[in-house]
């Protein structure tokens, strides 16, 4: 596996004057072959991975010590990687490698079914990736935090791609069903819950399973198994499931054009080609996929706007005050007030027709340029019914109540991350990552 030095042939470092005084910059560059430029008041140094990494480490030793409440923290120097090979849009990196907050169900799936990809990220960047409850941390084995930052960005990409279209369906439990899934659909995560199986996987895989159970493909003796039902037991049901022999591949390329969802041949008149990623599907298959999420089932590219299950009739009110949040001493505060009245659940909710309890929440953002950008994204999320959902409260344990829906808000002015407040210098970056998963950026 190629090292970061070979992958990132050109790296750019932006040095903020609030962190490293301009008259100190020349001493950082001594003996290095770099190109200097300007980005506003900041100095931009562009060079090889090794040279920029060395300069970066010098910056760490020279930067001032933050007291946690100082607004200096928000001006912390940022790293931006930019590769001559065109490896993608530049990303921002802070000096401290922040953990990534994750959904435990998605992370469990990654640990079980995407462990190889995780190991590749670890080995490629010489880092250790560890999970503690709902947070994933990145620790460099060589002491070079820039490699841990690269690992963090690669992990976020893996996490977002995995989260796209991931869902859980319940089926009746049977030895045949487990054998079928293990042999034909190893990508599915199988969990036994009493007399049922909870299968977690991508939309494509679960659709293929349902197609098989519905009779588009025959299983073993030719019997058709209805969706979400267990076949009736016969005298040969104790025979272990055997994978059917593979059919010979057609020599006609046109006949080999198959839909990734149903695996049937795609007819020209029944074909949809997605405009951005160019992946092809049957029209009906893609329509079902887009009912779950308007994103390509293969690569996760977003098409249109996602719509969530947030109850209708709520309001999002914004106001401003002149007081400052810890860590943002130069700015006032944006105050967001959410109100969702009580009502009855719709067909998209866990218990249709049953009453649910509404909620009122207050959240805070710094009235900075980035804070106002996040406010616009939060407004889009609310309008697309993505901010809240109906479920079980993680704090009270009460069911059928309005709860947050994986877009984390600061509901306290202070107290730090453990009390859902400030200072938390990476919060604005994290919430933008969470919104990006939902196609809002």
Protein backbone atom coordinates (compact mmCIF):
# COMPACT_ATOMS: atom_id res chain seq x y z
CA UNK A 1 0.00 0.00 0.00
CA UNK A 2 1.41 3.38 -0.99
CA UNK A 3 2.55 5.72 1.78
CA UNK A 4 1.11 9.26 2.19
CA UNK A 5 4.43 10.62 0.89
CA UNK A 6 3.75 8.91 -2.46
CA UNK A 7 0.01 9.56 -2.57
CA UNK A 8 0.12 13.25 -1.60
CA UNK A 9 2.86 14.58 -3.85
CA UNK A 10 2.01 18.20 -3.12
CA UNK A 11 0.64 19.50 0.18
CA UNK A 12 -0.39 23.01 1.12
CA UNK A 13 -0.16 24.51 4.62
CA UNK A 14 -2.07 27.67 5.54
CA UNK A 15 -0.54 29.46 8.54
CA UNK A 16 -2.87 31.87 10.30
CA UNK A 17 -1.11 34.98 11.68
CA UNK A 18 -3.24 34.75 14.83
CA UNK A 19 -1.46 31.49 15.61
CA UNK A 20 2.06 31.96 14.20
CA UNK A 21 3.31 35.57 13.98
CA UNK A 22 4.38 36.48 10.40
CA UNK A 23 7.92 37.39 11.52
CA UNK A 24 8.34 33.81 12.81
CA UNK A 25 7.42 32.15 9.50
CA UNK A 26 10.92 32.40 7.88
CA UNK A 27 12.45 30.32 10.68
CA UNK A 28 9.89 27.59 9.97
CA UNK A 29 10.87 27.43 6.30
CA UNK A 30 14.63 27.30 6.78
CA UNK A 31 16.16 24.46 4.75
CA UNK A 32 12.85 23.57 3.07
CA UNK A 33 12.04 23.68 -0.63
CA UNK A 34 8.60 25.27 -0.60
CA UNK A 35 6.64 27.85 -2.54
CA UNK A 36 5.14 30.77 -0.61
CA UNK A 37 1.84 32.48 -1.32
CA UNK A 38 -0.88 34.47 0.41
CA UNK A 39 -4.46 33.71 1.34
CA UNK A 40 -5.77 36.93 2.78
CA UNK A 41 -3.65 37.65 5.86
CA UNK A 42 -2.38 34.06 6.04
CA UNK A 43 0.85 32.65 4.63
CA UNK A 44 0.51 29.61 2.37
CA UNK A 45 3.43 27.18 2.02
CA UNK A 46 3.26 24.53 -0.73
CA UNK A 47 5.73 21.67 -0.99
CA UNK A 48 6.37 17.97 -0.53
CA UNK A 49 4.58 15.91 2.10
CA UNK A 50 7.77 15.56 4.18
CA UNK A 51 8.68 19.28 4.10
CA UNK A 52 5.15 20.43 4.95
CA UNK A 53 4.87 17.81 7.70
CA UNK A 54 8.13 19.07 9.25
CA UNK A 55 6.90 22.68 9.12
CA UNK A 56 3.58 21.59 10.59
CA UNK A 57 5.32 19.96 13.56
CA UNK A 58 7.36 23.12 14.18
CA UNK A 59 4.11 25.10 14.21
CA UNK A 60 2.77 22.84 16.93
CA UNK A 61 5.71 23.63 19.20
CA UNK A 62 5.48 27.38 18.51
CA UNK A 63 1.71 27.88 18.81
CA UNK A 64 0.41 29.55 21.98
CA UNK A 65 -1.21 27.55 24.77
CA UNK A 66 -4.98 27.89 24.79
CA UNK A 67 -6.97 28.12 27.97
CA UNK A 68 -10.07 26.51 26.43
CA UNK A 69 -12.19 29.63 26.80
CA UNK A 70 -10.11 31.94 24.63
CA UNK A 71 -11.37 32.93 21.24
CA UNK A 72 -7.85 32.29 19.97
CA UNK A 73 -8.80 28.66 19.59
CA UNK A 74 -11.11 29.45 16.69
CA UNK A 75 -8.14 31.00 14.84
CA UNK A 76 -6.08 27.83 15.14
CA UNK A 77 -3.91 27.12 12.12
CA UNK A 78 -5.46 24.95 9.43
CA UNK A 79 -3.82 22.44 7.13
CA UNK A 80 -5.11 21.93 3.63
CA UNK A 81 -3.99 19.03 1.49
CA UNK A 82 -3.87 19.47 -2.26
CA UNK A 83 -2.43 16.81 -4.53
CA UNK A 84 -1.00 17.40 -7.96
CA UNK A 85 -2.49 14.05 -9.00
CA UNK A 86 -5.99 15.46 -8.50
CA UNK A 87 -7.09 13.35 -5.56
CA UNK A 88 -10.01 15.62 -4.86
CA UNK A 89 -11.05 18.86 -3.26
CA UNK A 90 -8.79 20.23 -0.55
CA UNK A 91 -9.89 19.53 3.00
CA UNK A 92 -9.29 21.50 6.19
CA UNK A 93 -7.30 19.99 9.04
CA UNK A 94 -6.80 21.30 12.56
CA UNK A 95 -3.69 20.73 14.62
CA UNK A 96 -5.57 18.42 16.98
CA UNK A 97 -7.03 15.26 15.46
CA UNK A 98 -10.63 15.36 16.63
CA UNK A 99 -12.71 12.20 17.11
CA UNK A 100 -15.63 11.49 14.78
CA UNK A 101 -19.08 11.02 16.27
CA UNK A 102 -20.82 8.00 14.74
CA UNK A 103 -24.10 6.16 14.80
CA UNK A 104 -23.53 2.92 16.71
CA UNK A 105 -25.62 0.79 14.31
CA UNK A 106 -23.69 2.02 11.27
CA UNK A 107 -20.39 1.63 13.10
CA UNK A 108 -21.26 -1.91 14.16
CA UNK A 109 -21.92 -2.75 10.51
CA UNK A 110 -18.58 -1.22 9.48
CA UNK A 111 -16.70 -3.18 12.16
CA UNK A 112 -18.33 -6.44 11.11
CA UNK A 113 -18.54 -6.08 7.33
CA UNK A 114 -16.03 -3.37 6.40
CA UNK A 115 -13.14 -4.36 8.65
CA UNK A 116 -10.79 -4.81 5.68
CA UNK A 117 -11.38 -1.22 4.60
CA UNK A 118 -10.68 -0.03 8.14
CA UNK A 119 -7.41 -1.98 8.27
CA UNK A 120 -6.37 -0.50 4.93
CA UNK A 121 -6.90 3.02 6.29
CA UNK A 122 -4.91 2.14 9.42
CA UNK A 123 -2.02 0.53 7.54
CA UNK A 124 -1.87 3.15 4.79
CA UNK A 125 -1.52 5.98 7.31
CA UNK A 126 0.23 4.11 10.18
CA UNK A 127 -2.56 4.97 12.62
CA UNK A 128 -4.70 3.19 15.16
CA UNK A 129 -8.49 3.62 14.82
CA UNK A 130 -10.47 2.96 17.98
CA UNK A 131 -14.10 3.33 18.99
CA UNK A 132 -15.37 4.44 22.39
CA UNK A 133 -19.17 4.29 22.48
CA UNK A 134 -20.31 6.80 19.85
CA UNK A 135 -16.89 8.27 19.04
CA UNK A 136 -14.05 7.05 16.84
CA UNK A 137 -10.50 8.25 17.54
CA UNK A 138 -7.36 8.34 15.38
CA UNK A 139 -3.88 7.92 16.87
CA UNK A 140 -0.71 8.13 14.79
CA UNK A 141 1.78 5.33 15.41
CA UNK A 142 4.63 7.52 14.17
CA UNK A 143 3.71 10.71 16.03
CA UNK A 144 2.78 12.50 12.80
CA UNK A 145 -0.67 13.97 13.30
CA UNK A 146 -1.03 14.86 9.64
CA UNK A 147 -1.26 11.14 8.85
CA UNK A 148 -3.96 10.74 11.48
CA UNK A 149 -5.82 13.63 9.82
CA UNK A 150 -5.62 11.86 6.46
CA UNK A 151 -6.96 8.70 8.12
CA UNK A 152 -9.82 10.70 9.65
CA UNK A 153 -10.90 12.07 6.27
CA UNK A 154 -10.66 8.63 4.65
CA UNK A 155 -12.73 7.15 7.47
CA UNK A 156 -15.42 9.82 7.05
CA UNK A 157 -15.63 8.94 3.35
CA UNK A 158 -16.01 5.23 4.20
CA UNK A 159 -18.59 6.01 6.89
CA UNK A 160 -20.69 8.25 4.63
CA UNK A 161 -20.63 5.77 1.76
CA UNK A 162 -21.66 2.93 4.08
CA UNK A 163 -24.44 4.98 5.65
CA UNK A 164 -26.00 5.69 2.24
CA UNK A 165 -28.98 3.38 1.86
CA UNK A 166 -28.12 1.24 4.90
CA UNK A 167 -31.29 -0.15 6.44
CA UNK A 168 -32.57 -2.93 8.66
CA UNK A 169 -35.44 -5.28 7.79
CA UNK A 170 -37.10 -7.96 9.89
CA UNK A 171 -37.76 -11.49 8.63
CA UNK A 172 -39.11 -14.66 10.22
CA UNK A 173 -36.25 -16.76 11.58
CA UNK A 174 -35.45 -20.20 10.19
CA UNK A 175 -32.29 -22.29 9.61
CA UNK A 176 -32.91 -22.09 5.85
CA UNK A 177 -33.12 -18.30 5.95
CA UNK A 178 -29.83 -18.01 7.84
CA UNK A 179 -28.15 -20.47 5.46
CA UNK A 180 -29.47 -18.57 2.44
CA UNK A 181 -28.22 -15.21 3.72
CA UNK A 182 -24.84 -16.60 4.76
CA UNK A 183 -24.26 -18.25 1.37
CA UNK A 184 -25.79 -15.74 -1.04
CA UNK A 185 -25.66 -12.44 0.86
CA UNK A 186 -22.55 -12.33 3.07
CA UNK A 187 -22.74 -8.52 3.08
CA UNK A 188 -25.79 -8.69 5.37
CA UNK A 189 -25.36 -8.39 9.11
CA UNK A 190 -27.58 -11.00 10.77
CA UNK A 191 -29.04 -10.52 14.25
CA UNK A 192 -31.48 -12.91 15.91
CA UNK A 193 -34.20 -11.20 17.95
CA UNK A 194 -36.54 -13.74 19.54
CA UNK A 195 -38.27 -15.51 16.61
CA UNK A 196 -37.16 -12.98 14.03
CA UNK A 197 -34.05 -12.08 12.08
CA UNK A 198 -32.92 -8.48 11.79
CA UNK A 199 -30.92 -8.12 8.58
CA UNK A 200 -28.88 -4.95 8.12
CA UNK A 201 -27.37 -4.06 4.78
CA UNK A 202 -27.53 -1.82 1.75
CA UNK A 203 -30.74 -1.21 -0.16
CA UNK A 204 -29.37 -3.16 -3.14
CA UNK A 205 -28.61 -6.32 -1.16
CA UNK A 206 -31.94 -6.32 0.69
CA UNK A 207 -33.79 -5.78 -2.60
CA UNK A 208 -31.97 -8.77 -4.10
CA UNK A 209 -32.94 -10.87 -1.11
CA UNK A 210 -36.59 -9.81 -1.40
CA UNK A 211 -36.53 -10.57 -5.13
CA UNK A 212 -35.25 -14.04 -4.39
CA UNK A 213 -37.84 -14.64 -1.67
CA UNK A 214 -40.62 -13.31 -3.91
CA UNK A 215 -39.83 -15.85 -6.60
CA UNK A 216 -37.91 -13.92 -9.29
CA UNK A 217 -35.14 -16.41 -8.56
CA UNK A 218 -35.74 -19.97 -7.36
CA UNK A 219 -34.25 -21.38 -4.20
CA UNK A 220 -33.05 -24.97 -4.09
CA UNK A 221 -36.06 -27.17 -4.98
CA UNK A 222 -37.85 -24.48 -6.96
CA UNK A 223 -40.32 -23.44 -4.25
CA UNK A 224 -41.28 -19.75 -4.12
CA UNK A 225 -40.77 -18.07 -0.75
CA UNK A 226 -42.94 -15.00 -0.04
CA UNK A 227 -41.18 -11.91 1.28
CA UNK A 228 -40.69 -11.75 5.06
CA UNK A 229 -42.06 -15.27 5.55
CA UNK A 230 -40.38 -18.53 6.38
CA UNK A 231 -40.99 -21.43 3.95
CA UNK A 232 -43.04 -24.26 5.38
CA UNK A 233 -40.93 -27.08 6.75
CA UNK A 234 -40.69 -30.23 4.65
CA UNK A 235 -38.77 -33.44 5.11
CA UNK A 236 -35.70 -32.11 3.31
CA UNK A 237 -35.51 -28.77 5.15
CA UNK A 238 -32.75 -30.05 7.41
CA UNK A 239 -30.44 -30.51 4.42
CA UNK A 240 -27.77 -27.79 4.49
CA UNK A 241 -28.23 -25.04 1.94
CA UNK A 242 -26.00 -25.40 -1.12
CA UNK A 243 -25.07 -22.52 -3.31
CA UNK A 244 -26.48 -23.00 -6.84
CA UNK A 245 -24.09 -23.50 -9.71
CA UNK A 246 -23.11 -20.32 -11.51
CA UNK A 247 -24.52 -19.83 -14.97
CA UNK A 248 -22.19 -19.39 -17.91
CA UNK A 249 -21.59 -15.74 -18.72
CA UNK A 250 -23.06 -14.60 -22.01
CA UNK A 251 -20.66 -13.76 -24.81
CA UNK A 252 -22.99 -10.99 -25.97
CA UNK A 253 -21.99 -7.73 -24.16
CA UNK A 254 -25.50 -6.30 -24.60
CA UNK A 255 -27.01 -9.22 -22.70
CA UNK A 256 -24.53 -8.78 -19.83
CA UNK A 257 -25.85 -5.23 -19.04
CA UNK A 258 -27.65 -6.04 -15.79
CA UNK A 259 -29.34 -3.90 -13.20
CA UNK A 260 -27.19 -3.83 -10.01
CA UNK A 261 -30.37 -4.11 -7.90
CA UNK A 262 -32.47 -6.89 -9.44
CA UNK A 263 -29.66 -8.47 -11.52
CA UNK A 264 -31.98 -8.78 -14.51
CA UNK A 265 -30.96 -7.57 -17.96
CA UNK A 266 -31.72 -3.90 -18.49
CA UNK A 267 -33.87 -3.15 -21.51
CA UNK A 268 -33.04 0.06 -23.36
CA UNK A 269 -36.62 1.28 -22.97
CA UNK A 270 -36.55 0.54 -19.24
CA UNK A 271 -33.15 2.00 -18.39
CA UNK A 272 -32.34 5.01 -16.23
CA UNK A 273 -28.82 6.46 -16.29
CA UNK A 274 -28.06 8.77 -13.37
CA UNK A 275 -26.79 12.11 -14.62
CA UNK A 276 -23.85 12.63 -12.23
CA UNK A 277 -22.34 9.20 -11.61
CA UNK A 278 -23.62 7.48 -14.80
CA UNK A 279 -24.70 4.29 -13.01
CA UNK A 280 -27.54 2.42 -14.76
CA UNK A 281 -30.65 0.82 -13.24
CA UNK A 282 -34.08 -0.44 -14.16
CA UNK A 283 -36.56 2.43 -13.81
CA UNK A 284 -38.71 0.57 -11.28
CA UNK A 285 -35.71 -0.55 -9.20
CA UNK A 286 -34.33 2.99 -9.03
CA UNK A 287 -37.74 4.40 -8.14
CA UNK A 288 -37.94 2.05 -5.13
CA UNK A 289 -34.40 2.99 -4.10
CA UNK A 290 -35.20 6.70 -4.30
CA UNK A 291 -38.23 6.18 -2.05
CA UNK A 292 -35.71 5.30 0.67
CA UNK A 293 -33.16 7.97 -0.21
CA UNK A 294 -32.60 10.02 -3.40
CA UNK A 295 -29.03 8.81 -3.76
CA UNK A 296 -27.28 6.39 -6.09
CA UNK A 297 -27.52 2.94 -4.44
CA UNK A 298 -23.96 2.18 -5.57
CA UNK A 299 -21.85 5.29 -4.91
CA UNK A 300 -24.13 7.43 -2.72
CA UNK A 301 -24.22 10.48 -5.00
CA UNK A 302 -27.18 12.62 -3.91
CA UNK A 303 -29.93 13.47 -6.41
CA UNK A 304 -32.45 16.04 -5.26
CA UNK A 305 -33.34 16.65 -1.64
CA UNK A 306 -33.76 14.07 1.09
CA UNK A 307 -37.03 14.16 3.02
CA UNK A 308 -37.07 12.84 6.58
CA UNK A 309 -39.74 11.72 9.01
CA UNK A 310 -39.83 14.83 11.17
CA UNK A 311 -43.46 15.52 12.20
CA UNK A 312 -45.12 18.28 10.20
CA UNK A 313 -46.31 21.53 11.73
CA UNK A 314 -43.15 22.46 13.63
CA UNK A 315 -41.37 25.82 13.65
CA UNK A 316 -37.74 26.95 13.67
CA UNK A 317 -37.30 30.49 15.00
CA UNK A 318 -33.98 32.35 14.94
CA UNK A 319 -32.91 35.30 17.11
CA UNK A 320 -29.62 36.96 18.01
CA UNK A 321 -28.10 38.38 21.17
CA UNK A 322 -24.86 40.24 21.88
CA UNK A 323 -23.41 37.82 24.43
CA UNK A 324 -20.53 35.57 23.36
CA UNK A 325 -20.15 31.81 23.51
CA UNK A 326 -16.97 30.38 25.13
CA UNK A 327 -14.31 30.19 22.43
CA UNK A 328 -16.04 32.83 20.27
CA UNK A 329 -15.35 36.01 22.22
CA UNK A 330 -15.44 38.26 19.16
CA UNK A 331 -18.95 37.25 18.14
CA UNK A 332 -22.50 37.41 19.37
CA UNK A 333 -24.78 34.39 19.61
CA UNK A 334 -27.38 32.90 17.28
CA UNK A 335 -30.28 31.39 19.23
CA UNK A 336 -32.39 28.74 17.47
CA UNK A 337 -35.75 27.78 18.98
CA UNK A 338 -37.42 24.63 17.70
CA UNK A 339 -41.03 23.78 18.49
CA UNK A 340 -42.84 20.61 17.42
CA UNK A 341 -46.38 20.13 18.76
CA UNK A 342 -47.77 16.80 19.88
CA UNK A 343 -49.89 14.83 17.45
CA UNK A 344 -50.51 11.41 15.93
CA UNK A 345 -47.96 9.40 14.00
CA UNK A 346 -48.18 9.05 10.23
CA UNK A 347 -47.49 6.07 8.00
CA UNK A 348 -43.76 6.90 7.93
CA UNK A 349 -43.45 6.68 11.72
CA UNK A 350 -42.83 3.65 13.99
CA UNK A 351 -46.43 3.37 15.27
CA UNK A 352 -48.89 4.87 12.76
CA UNK A 353 -52.00 6.35 14.37
CA UNK A 354 -50.52 6.35 17.87
CA UNK A 355 -50.10 9.64 19.72
CA UNK A 356 -46.63 11.13 20.16
CA UNK A 357 -45.32 13.80 22.50
CA UNK A 358 -43.94 16.98 20.94
CA UNK A 359 -40.82 18.87 21.96
CA UNK A 360 -39.32 22.32 22.36
CA UNK A 361 -35.54 22.76 22.00
CA UNK A 362 -33.11 25.68 22.05
CA UNK A 363 -29.72 25.54 20.33
CA UNK A 364 -26.81 27.97 20.01
CA UNK A 365 -24.34 28.96 17.29
CA UNK A 366 -21.66 31.65 17.20
CA UNK A 367 -22.69 34.64 15.09
CA UNK A 368 -19.55 34.22 12.95
CA UNK A 369 -19.26 33.68 9.20
CA UNK A 370 -19.04 29.90 9.66
CA UNK A 371 -21.80 29.92 12.27
CA UNK A 372 -24.17 31.69 9.86
CA UNK A 373 -23.25 29.21 7.12
CA UNK A 374 -24.16 26.34 9.46
CA UNK A 375 -27.42 28.13 10.32
CA UNK A 376 -28.43 28.09 6.63
CA UNK A 377 -27.64 24.37 6.44
CA UNK A 378 -29.67 23.69 9.60
CA UNK A 379 -32.57 25.61 8.09
CA UNK A 380 -32.45 23.38 5.00
CA UNK A 381 -32.33 20.27 7.21
CA UNK A 382 -35.38 21.45 9.16
CA UNK A 383 -37.33 22.30 5.99
CA UNK A 384 -36.51 18.83 4.64
CA UNK A 385 -37.81 17.26 7.87
CA UNK A 386 -34.41 15.84 8.81
CA UNK A 387 -33.72 17.50 12.17
CA UNK A 388 -36.12 15.46 14.31
CA UNK A 389 -37.89 12.12 14.18
CA UNK A 390 -40.21 10.08 16.40
CA UNK A 391 -38.74 7.35 18.54
CA UNK A 392 -37.39 6.54 21.98
CA UNK A 393 -35.66 9.28 23.97
CA UNK A 394 -32.03 8.38 24.75
CA UNK A 395 -32.14 10.48 27.92
CA UNK A 396 -35.52 9.56 29.46
CA UNK A 397 -36.16 6.19 27.82
CA UNK A 398 -39.69 7.33 26.94
CA UNK A 399 -41.07 6.00 23.65
CA UNK A 400 -43.23 7.75 21.03
CA UNK A 401 -41.64 11.15 21.53
CA UNK A 402 -39.97 13.67 19.24
CA UNK A 403 -36.19 13.13 19.32
CA UNK A 404 -33.10 14.49 17.58
CA UNK A 405 -32.23 12.73 14.31
CA UNK A 406 -28.41 12.51 14.18
CA UNK A 407 -27.78 16.22 13.58
CA UNK A 408 -26.16 17.29 16.81
CA UNK A 409 -26.92 20.69 18.29
CA UNK A 410 -25.38 22.70 21.11
CA UNK A 411 -28.24 23.00 23.60
CA UNK A 412 -26.08 24.70 26.27
CA UNK A 413 -24.02 27.85 26.04
CA UNK A 414 -21.15 26.44 28.08
CA UNK A 415 -19.91 23.27 29.76
CA UNK A 416 -17.98 21.90 26.79
CA UNK A 417 -18.82 18.84 24.66
CA UNK A 418 -19.77 16.63 27.62
CA UNK A 419 -22.57 19.07 28.50
CA UNK A 420 -23.60 19.78 24.89
CA UNK A 421 -22.06 23.24 25.10
CA UNK A 422 -19.05 25.37 24.22
CA UNK A 423 -16.05 25.61 23.98
CA UNK A 424 -15.85 22.93 21.30
CA UNK A 425 -13.65 24.22 18.45
CA UNK A 426 -14.45 21.31 16.12
CA UNK A 427 -18.24 21.38 16.54
CA UNK A 428 -19.01 23.47 13.44
CA UNK A 429 -16.88 21.12 11.32
CA UNK A 430 -18.54 18.01 12.83
CA UNK A 431 -22.10 19.20 12.30
CA UNK A 432 -21.29 20.03 8.68
CA UNK A 433 -20.02 16.44 8.29
CA UNK A 434 -23.30 15.14 9.75
CA UNK A 435 -25.32 17.33 7.38
CA UNK A 436 -23.21 16.23 4.42
CA UNK A 437 -24.23 12.61 5.09
CA UNK A 438 -27.82 13.77 4.52
CA UNK A 439 -26.91 15.54 1.27
CA UNK A 440 -26.86 19.06 2.74
CA UNK A 441 -23.66 21.01 2.03
